[in-house]
């Protein structure tokens, strides 16, 4: 059986990128496409929230394996990859291919003001919550 695919014109760029590089391009929404619902969903998971918080505190890009031990139990690479996909598609991070790895950085400077204020509020509330629940002399989630 031979399968044929019809590529429509808007997909020509994607098709060309896939054929030339062998991998699909990563989706990054434009700043005006970032939604409150997408951000809230992405940051509703404690693992993704910790990943994003650590990325915002970093002064350089990080790959997924940097976060294998972001929680008490080590996470599998496929689980981490899925978390990064959710953060990327919500518009919170930018990922760039470097060989076989993806380097990730937060997109903080690209957010529209209402979204930036909401994200800042979520991160501040999480930090306060972690300080209250951490044993004295130790801070979790950093």
N, C-alpha and C. Protein backbone atom coordinates (compact mmCIF):
# COMPACT_ATOMS: atom_id res chain seq x y z
N UNK A 1 0.84 -1.17 0.00
CA UNK A 1 0.00 0.00 0.00
C UNK A 1 0.90 1.24 0.00
N UNK A 2 0.61 2.16 -0.86
CA UNK A 2 1.37 3.40 -0.94
C UNK A 2 0.50 4.54 -0.41
N UNK A 3 1.05 5.25 0.55
CA UNK A 3 0.34 6.40 1.11
C UNK A 3 0.82 7.66 0.43
N UNK A 4 -0.08 8.52 0.12
CA UNK A 4 0.30 9.82 -0.44
C UNK A 4 -0.25 10.90 0.46
N UNK A 5 0.50 11.96 0.57
CA UNK A 5 0.10 13.08 1.40
C UNK A 5 0.00 14.32 0.54
N UNK A 6 -1.02 15.09 0.80
CA UNK A 6 -1.16 16.36 0.10
C UNK A 6 -0.72 17.46 1.06
N UNK A 7 0.29 18.18 0.70
CA UNK A 7 0.79 19.27 1.51
C UNK A 7 0.15 20.56 1.02
N UNK A 8 -0.51 21.25 1.92
CA UNK A 8 -1.12 22.52 1.55
C UNK A 8 -0.06 23.62 1.60
N UNK A 9 -0.32 24.71 0.97
CA UNK A 9 0.67 25.78 0.87
C UNK A 9 1.18 26.30 2.21
N UNK A 10 0.34 26.54 3.23
CA UNK A 10 0.88 27.05 4.49
C UNK A 10 1.89 26.10 5.14
N UNK A 11 1.83 24.83 4.82
CA UNK A 11 2.74 23.86 5.40
C UNK A 11 4.05 23.72 4.62
N UNK A 12 4.15 24.37 3.46
CA UNK A 12 5.36 24.22 2.65
C UNK A 12 6.62 24.57 3.41
N UNK A 13 6.59 25.63 4.22
CA UNK A 13 7.77 26.02 4.99
C UNK A 13 8.13 24.93 6.01
N UNK A 14 7.12 24.41 6.71
CA UNK A 14 7.35 23.36 7.69
C UNK A 14 7.89 22.13 6.99
N UNK A 15 7.27 21.75 5.87
CA UNK A 15 7.71 20.57 5.12
C UNK A 15 9.16 20.74 4.67
N UNK A 16 9.50 21.91 4.18
CA UNK A 16 10.86 22.17 3.72
C UNK A 16 11.85 22.08 4.88
N UNK A 17 11.48 22.64 6.04
CA UNK A 17 12.35 22.56 7.22
C UNK A 17 12.54 21.12 7.68
N UNK A 18 11.47 20.35 7.68
CA UNK A 18 11.56 18.95 8.11
C UNK A 18 12.44 18.17 7.15
N UNK A 19 12.25 18.37 5.85
CA UNK A 19 13.03 17.63 4.87
C UNK A 19 14.50 18.02 4.90
N UNK A 20 14.80 19.30 5.10
CA UNK A 20 16.20 19.72 5.07
C UNK A 20 16.95 19.38 6.35
N UNK A 21 16.30 19.46 7.50
CA UNK A 21 17.02 19.21 8.76
C UNK A 21 16.73 17.84 9.36
N UNK A 22 15.67 17.19 8.92
CA UNK A 22 15.32 15.89 9.46
C UNK A 22 14.50 15.95 10.74
N UNK A 23 14.28 17.13 11.31
CA UNK A 23 13.48 17.29 12.52
C UNK A 23 12.46 18.39 12.33
N UNK A 24 11.38 18.28 13.04
CA UNK A 24 10.33 19.31 12.95
C UNK A 24 10.78 20.56 13.70
N UNK A 25 10.41 21.72 13.20
CA UNK A 25 10.73 22.94 13.95
C UNK A 25 9.89 23.00 15.22
N UNK A 26 10.43 23.64 16.24
CA UNK A 26 9.73 23.76 17.52
C UNK A 26 8.71 24.90 17.44
N UNK A 27 7.57 24.69 18.08
CA UNK A 27 6.53 25.73 18.10
C UNK A 27 6.76 26.66 19.27
N UNK A 28 6.84 27.94 18.99
CA UNK A 28 6.92 28.99 20.00
C UNK A 28 5.85 30.02 19.66
N UNK A 29 4.85 30.19 20.53
CA UNK A 29 3.81 31.18 20.21
C UNK A 29 4.38 32.60 20.25
N UNK A 30 3.81 33.46 19.43
CA UNK A 30 4.18 34.88 19.48
C UNK A 30 3.70 35.45 20.82
N UNK A 31 4.32 36.52 21.31
CA UNK A 31 3.88 37.09 22.59
C UNK A 31 2.38 37.41 22.63
N UNK A 32 1.80 37.85 21.52
CA UNK A 32 0.36 38.17 21.53
C UNK A 32 -0.52 36.92 21.49
N UNK A 33 0.08 35.74 21.32
CA UNK A 33 -0.67 34.49 21.33
C UNK A 33 -0.65 33.80 22.70
N UNK A 34 0.14 34.32 23.62
CA UNK A 34 0.24 33.73 24.96
C UNK A 34 -1.04 34.04 25.73
N UNK A 35 -1.66 33.00 26.27
CA UNK A 35 -2.94 33.18 26.95
C UNK A 35 -2.82 32.94 28.45
N UNK A 36 -3.74 33.54 29.19
CA UNK A 36 -3.81 33.33 30.64
C UNK A 36 -4.03 31.84 30.92
N UNK A 37 -4.94 31.22 30.18
CA UNK A 37 -5.24 29.81 30.40
C UNK A 37 -4.01 28.93 30.17
N UNK A 38 -3.25 29.22 29.11
CA UNK A 38 -2.06 28.43 28.81
C UNK A 38 -1.00 28.57 29.89
N UNK A 39 -0.80 29.79 30.37
CA UNK A 39 0.19 30.03 31.43
C UNK A 39 -0.25 29.34 32.73
N UNK A 40 -1.52 29.50 33.10
CA UNK A 40 -2.01 28.88 34.33
C UNK A 40 -1.91 27.36 34.25
N UNK A 41 -2.24 26.79 33.10
CA UNK A 41 -2.13 25.34 32.94
C UNK A 41 -0.67 24.91 33.08
N UNK A 42 0.23 25.59 32.39
CA UNK A 42 1.65 25.21 32.42
C UNK A 42 2.23 25.30 33.83
N UNK A 43 1.85 26.33 34.57
CA UNK A 43 2.42 26.53 35.91
C UNK A 43 1.61 25.84 37.01
N UNK A 44 0.53 25.13 36.63
CA UNK A 44 -0.27 24.42 37.65
C UNK A 44 0.41 23.14 38.12
N UNK A 45 1.37 22.64 37.37
CA UNK A 45 2.10 21.44 37.76
C UNK A 45 3.31 21.85 38.59
N UNK A 46 3.50 21.28 39.78
CA UNK A 46 4.63 21.68 40.64
C UNK A 46 6.00 21.47 39.98
N UNK A 47 6.14 20.43 39.17
CA UNK A 47 7.42 20.19 38.51
C UNK A 47 7.70 21.29 37.49
N UNK A 48 6.71 21.61 36.67
CA UNK A 48 6.91 22.67 35.67
C UNK A 48 7.15 24.01 36.34
N UNK A 49 6.47 24.26 37.44
CA UNK A 49 6.66 25.52 38.17
C UNK A 49 8.10 25.61 38.68
N UNK A 50 8.61 24.53 39.24
CA UNK A 50 10.00 24.52 39.72
C UNK A 50 10.99 24.70 38.56
N UNK A 51 10.74 24.01 37.45
CA UNK A 51 11.61 24.16 36.28
C UNK A 51 11.64 25.61 35.82
N UNK A 52 10.47 26.21 35.69
CA UNK A 52 10.39 27.59 35.21
C UNK A 52 11.06 28.54 36.20
N UNK A 53 10.84 28.34 37.48
CA UNK A 53 11.46 29.18 38.51
C UNK A 53 12.99 29.10 38.42
N UNK A 54 13.50 27.90 38.27
CA UNK A 54 14.96 27.73 38.16
C UNK A 54 15.51 28.34 36.87
N UNK A 55 14.75 28.23 35.78
CA UNK A 55 15.18 28.86 34.53
C UNK A 55 15.22 30.38 34.66
N UNK A 56 14.22 30.96 35.33
CA UNK A 56 14.20 32.42 35.49
C UNK A 56 15.33 32.90 36.39
N UNK A 57 15.79 32.05 37.30
CA UNK A 57 16.87 32.43 38.21
C UNK A 57 18.25 32.22 37.57
N UNK A 58 18.29 31.54 36.44
CA UNK A 58 19.56 31.23 35.79
C UNK A 58 19.98 32.35 34.84
N UNK A 59 21.28 32.51 34.68
CA UNK A 59 21.78 33.53 33.76
C UNK A 59 22.23 32.92 32.43
N UNK A 60 21.94 31.62 32.22
CA UNK A 60 22.30 30.99 30.95
C UNK A 60 21.23 29.95 30.59
N UNK A 61 21.32 29.46 29.35
CA UNK A 61 20.36 28.44 28.93
C UNK A 61 20.67 27.12 29.62
N UNK A 62 19.65 26.30 29.74
CA UNK A 62 19.79 24.99 30.40
C UNK A 62 19.16 23.92 29.52
N UNK A 63 19.74 22.73 29.53
CA UNK A 63 19.11 21.64 28.81
C UNK A 63 18.21 20.85 29.76
N UNK A 64 17.41 19.96 29.21
CA UNK A 64 16.43 19.22 30.01
C UNK A 64 17.08 18.40 31.12
N UNK A 65 18.22 17.79 30.83
CA UNK A 65 18.82 16.90 31.82
C UNK A 65 19.32 17.63 33.06
N UNK A 66 19.45 18.94 32.99
CA UNK A 66 19.80 19.73 34.17
C UNK A 66 18.75 19.55 35.26
N UNK A 67 17.53 19.22 34.86
CA UNK A 67 16.40 19.17 35.78
C UNK A 67 15.96 17.74 36.13
N UNK A 68 16.82 16.76 35.90
CA UNK A 68 16.46 15.38 36.21
C UNK A 68 16.08 15.20 37.68
N UNK A 69 16.70 15.97 38.57
CA UNK A 69 16.42 15.84 40.01
C UNK A 69 15.75 17.09 40.57
N UNK A 70 14.86 17.68 39.79
CA UNK A 70 14.17 18.89 40.24
C UNK A 70 13.20 18.60 41.39
N UNK A 71 12.80 17.36 41.52
CA UNK A 71 11.96 16.92 42.64
C UNK A 71 12.67 15.76 43.33
N UNK A 72 12.09 15.27 44.41
CA UNK A 72 12.73 14.23 45.21
C UNK A 72 13.06 12.97 44.42
N UNK A 73 12.15 12.52 43.58
CA UNK A 73 12.36 11.33 42.76
C UNK A 73 12.89 11.76 41.39
N UNK A 74 13.96 11.11 40.88
CA UNK A 74 14.46 11.47 39.55
C UNK A 74 13.38 11.28 38.48
N UNK A 75 13.32 12.20 37.54
CA UNK A 75 12.34 12.13 36.46
C UNK A 75 12.98 11.52 35.23
N UNK A 76 12.18 10.82 34.45
CA UNK A 76 12.70 10.25 33.20
C UNK A 76 12.86 11.38 32.18
N UNK A 77 13.73 11.15 31.20
CA UNK A 77 13.96 12.15 30.17
C UNK A 77 12.69 12.42 29.37
N UNK A 78 11.89 11.39 29.13
CA UNK A 78 10.66 11.59 28.36
C UNK A 78 9.66 12.44 29.14
N UNK A 79 9.60 12.25 30.45
CA UNK A 79 8.71 13.07 31.29
C UNK A 79 9.17 14.52 31.27
N UNK A 80 10.47 14.73 31.43
CA UNK A 80 11.01 16.09 31.37
C UNK A 80 10.75 16.73 30.02
N UNK A 81 10.94 15.98 28.97
CA UNK A 81 10.70 16.49 27.63
C UNK A 81 9.26 16.97 27.48
N UNK A 82 8.33 16.21 28.02
CA UNK A 82 6.91 16.60 27.97
C UNK A 82 6.67 17.88 28.77
N UNK A 83 7.28 17.99 29.94
CA UNK A 83 7.13 19.22 30.74
C UNK A 83 7.66 20.43 29.98
N UNK A 84 8.81 20.29 29.34
CA UNK A 84 9.38 21.39 28.58
C UNK A 84 8.50 21.75 27.38
N UNK A 85 7.89 20.75 26.77
CA UNK A 85 6.98 21.01 25.65
C UNK A 85 5.80 21.86 26.11
N UNK A 86 5.23 21.52 27.25
CA UNK A 86 4.09 22.29 27.79
C UNK A 86 4.52 23.73 28.08
N UNK A 87 5.67 23.90 28.72
CA UNK A 87 6.17 25.26 29.01
C UNK A 87 6.43 26.04 27.73
N UNK A 88 7.00 25.37 26.72
CA UNK A 88 7.31 26.03 25.45
C UNK A 88 6.02 26.43 24.72
N UNK A 89 5.07 25.52 24.64
CA UNK A 89 3.84 25.79 23.90
C UNK A 89 2.94 26.78 24.62
N UNK A 90 3.15 26.96 25.92
CA UNK A 90 2.43 28.01 26.66
C UNK A 90 3.10 29.37 26.43
N UNK A 91 4.30 29.36 25.87
CA UNK A 91 5.02 30.60 25.59
C UNK A 91 5.94 31.05 26.71
N UNK A 92 6.14 30.20 27.71
CA UNK A 92 6.95 30.59 28.86
C UNK A 92 8.45 30.47 28.62
N UNK A 93 8.84 29.53 27.76
CA UNK A 93 10.27 29.34 27.49
C UNK A 93 10.52 29.30 25.99
N UNK A 94 11.76 29.53 25.64
CA UNK A 94 12.22 29.40 24.25
C UNK A 94 13.24 28.27 24.23
N UNK A 95 13.08 27.33 23.32
CA UNK A 95 14.00 26.20 23.20
C UNK A 95 14.70 26.28 21.85
N UNK A 96 15.98 26.00 21.88
CA UNK A 96 16.77 26.04 20.65
C UNK A 96 17.61 24.77 20.57
N UNK A 97 17.61 24.17 19.38
CA UNK A 97 18.38 22.94 19.17
C UNK A 97 19.87 23.26 19.08
N UNK A 98 20.66 22.53 19.86
CA UNK A 98 22.12 22.59 19.80
C UNK A 98 22.58 21.15 19.67
N UNK A 99 22.80 20.72 18.45
CA UNK A 99 23.11 19.31 18.23
C UNK A 99 21.90 18.46 18.56
N UNK A 100 22.07 17.51 19.48
CA UNK A 100 20.95 16.64 19.86
C UNK A 100 20.21 17.15 21.09
N UNK A 101 20.70 18.23 21.69
CA UNK A 101 20.07 18.78 22.89
C UNK A 101 19.23 20.00 22.56
N UNK A 102 18.29 20.27 23.46
CA UNK A 102 17.53 21.52 23.41
C UNK A 102 18.01 22.40 24.55
N UNK A 103 18.39 23.61 24.23
CA UNK A 103 18.78 24.58 25.24
C UNK A 103 17.56 25.47 25.49
N UNK A 104 17.23 25.69 26.75
CA UNK A 104 16.01 26.40 27.13
C UNK A 104 16.33 27.65 27.94
N UNK A 105 15.53 28.68 27.69
CA UNK A 105 15.64 29.93 28.44
C UNK A 105 14.24 30.49 28.62
N UNK A 106 14.02 31.26 29.68
CA UNK A 106 12.71 31.88 29.88
C UNK A 106 12.51 33.03 28.89
N UNK A 107 11.28 33.33 28.57
CA UNK A 107 10.96 34.42 27.64
C UNK A 107 10.44 35.65 28.39
N UNK A 108 10.92 35.87 29.59
CA UNK A 108 10.38 36.91 30.47
C UNK A 108 10.31 38.28 29.80
N UNK A 109 11.30 38.68 29.07
CA UNK A 109 11.31 39.99 28.44
C UNK A 109 10.34 40.15 27.30
N UNK A 110 9.74 39.06 26.85
CA UNK A 110 8.83 39.10 25.71
C UNK A 110 7.35 39.16 26.09
N UNK A 111 7.03 38.98 27.37
CA UNK A 111 5.63 38.92 27.78
C UNK A 111 4.98 40.30 27.73
N UNK A 112 3.70 40.32 27.38
CA UNK A 112 2.93 41.54 27.49
C UNK A 112 2.71 41.82 28.97
N UNK A 113 2.52 43.09 29.34
CA UNK A 113 2.49 43.49 30.76
C UNK A 113 1.52 42.70 31.63
N UNK A 114 0.26 42.50 31.22
CA UNK A 114 -0.64 41.75 32.11
C UNK A 114 -0.17 40.32 32.36
N UNK A 115 0.36 39.67 31.32
CA UNK A 115 0.86 38.30 31.48
C UNK A 115 2.09 38.30 32.38
N UNK A 116 3.00 39.26 32.16
CA UNK A 116 4.22 39.35 32.97
C UNK A 116 3.88 39.55 34.44
N UNK A 117 2.90 40.40 34.72
CA UNK A 117 2.50 40.66 36.10
C UNK A 117 1.90 39.40 36.74
N UNK A 118 1.09 38.68 35.98
CA UNK A 118 0.49 37.45 36.49
C UNK A 118 1.58 36.41 36.80
N UNK A 119 2.52 36.23 35.89
CA UNK A 119 3.59 35.26 36.09
C UNK A 119 4.44 35.64 37.30
N UNK A 120 4.77 36.93 37.41
CA UNK A 120 5.53 37.40 38.57
C UNK A 120 4.80 37.12 39.87
N UNK A 121 3.49 37.34 39.88
CA UNK A 121 2.69 37.06 41.08
C UNK A 121 2.68 35.58 41.43
N UNK A 122 2.57 34.72 40.43
CA UNK A 122 2.57 33.27 40.67
C UNK A 122 3.92 32.84 41.25
N UNK A 123 5.01 33.31 40.66
CA UNK A 123 6.35 32.93 41.14
C UNK A 123 6.60 33.45 42.55
N UNK A 124 6.18 34.68 42.83
CA UNK A 124 6.34 35.24 44.19
C UNK A 124 5.54 34.44 45.21
N UNK A 125 4.31 34.10 44.86
CA UNK A 125 3.46 33.32 45.78
C UNK A 125 4.07 31.94 46.03
N UNK A 126 4.62 31.33 45.00
CA UNK A 126 5.24 30.02 45.16
C UNK A 126 6.47 30.10 46.07
N UNK A 127 7.28 31.13 45.89
CA UNK A 127 8.47 31.29 46.74
C UNK A 127 8.07 31.47 48.20
N UNK A 128 7.03 32.29 48.46
CA UNK A 128 6.55 32.49 49.84
C UNK A 128 6.03 31.18 50.42
N UNK A 129 5.29 30.44 49.61
CA UNK A 129 4.75 29.16 50.06
C UNK A 129 5.88 28.19 50.42
N UNK A 130 6.92 28.15 49.62
CA UNK A 130 8.05 27.26 49.88
C UNK A 130 8.80 27.66 51.15
N UNK A 131 8.94 28.96 51.39
CA UNK A 131 9.61 29.42 52.61
C UNK A 131 8.83 29.02 53.85
N UNK A 132 7.51 29.13 53.78
CA UNK A 132 6.67 28.76 54.93
C UNK A 132 6.72 27.27 55.22
N UNK A 133 6.80 26.45 54.17
CA UNK A 133 6.72 25.00 54.37
C UNK A 133 8.08 24.33 54.54
N UNK A 134 9.18 25.07 54.30
CA UNK A 134 10.53 24.49 54.41
C UNK A 134 10.95 24.44 55.88
N UNK A 135 11.68 23.37 56.24
CA UNK A 135 12.25 23.32 57.60
C UNK A 135 13.21 24.50 57.80
N UNK A 136 13.37 24.95 59.02
CA UNK A 136 14.25 26.09 59.28
C UNK A 136 15.66 25.78 58.78
N UNK A 137 16.24 26.81 58.13
CA UNK A 137 17.61 26.70 57.62
C UNK A 137 17.70 26.05 56.25
N UNK A 138 16.56 25.67 55.68
CA UNK A 138 16.59 25.02 54.37
C UNK A 138 15.41 25.53 53.54
N UNK A 139 15.65 25.79 52.25
CA UNK A 139 14.59 26.26 51.35
C UNK A 139 14.40 25.24 50.25
N UNK A 140 13.15 24.80 50.05
CA UNK A 140 12.85 23.84 48.96
C UNK A 140 12.52 24.57 47.69
N UNK A 141 12.67 23.87 46.56
CA UNK A 141 12.25 24.41 45.27
C UNK A 141 13.24 25.35 44.63
N UNK A 142 14.44 25.41 45.12
CA UNK A 142 15.45 26.30 44.53
C UNK A 142 16.54 25.51 43.92
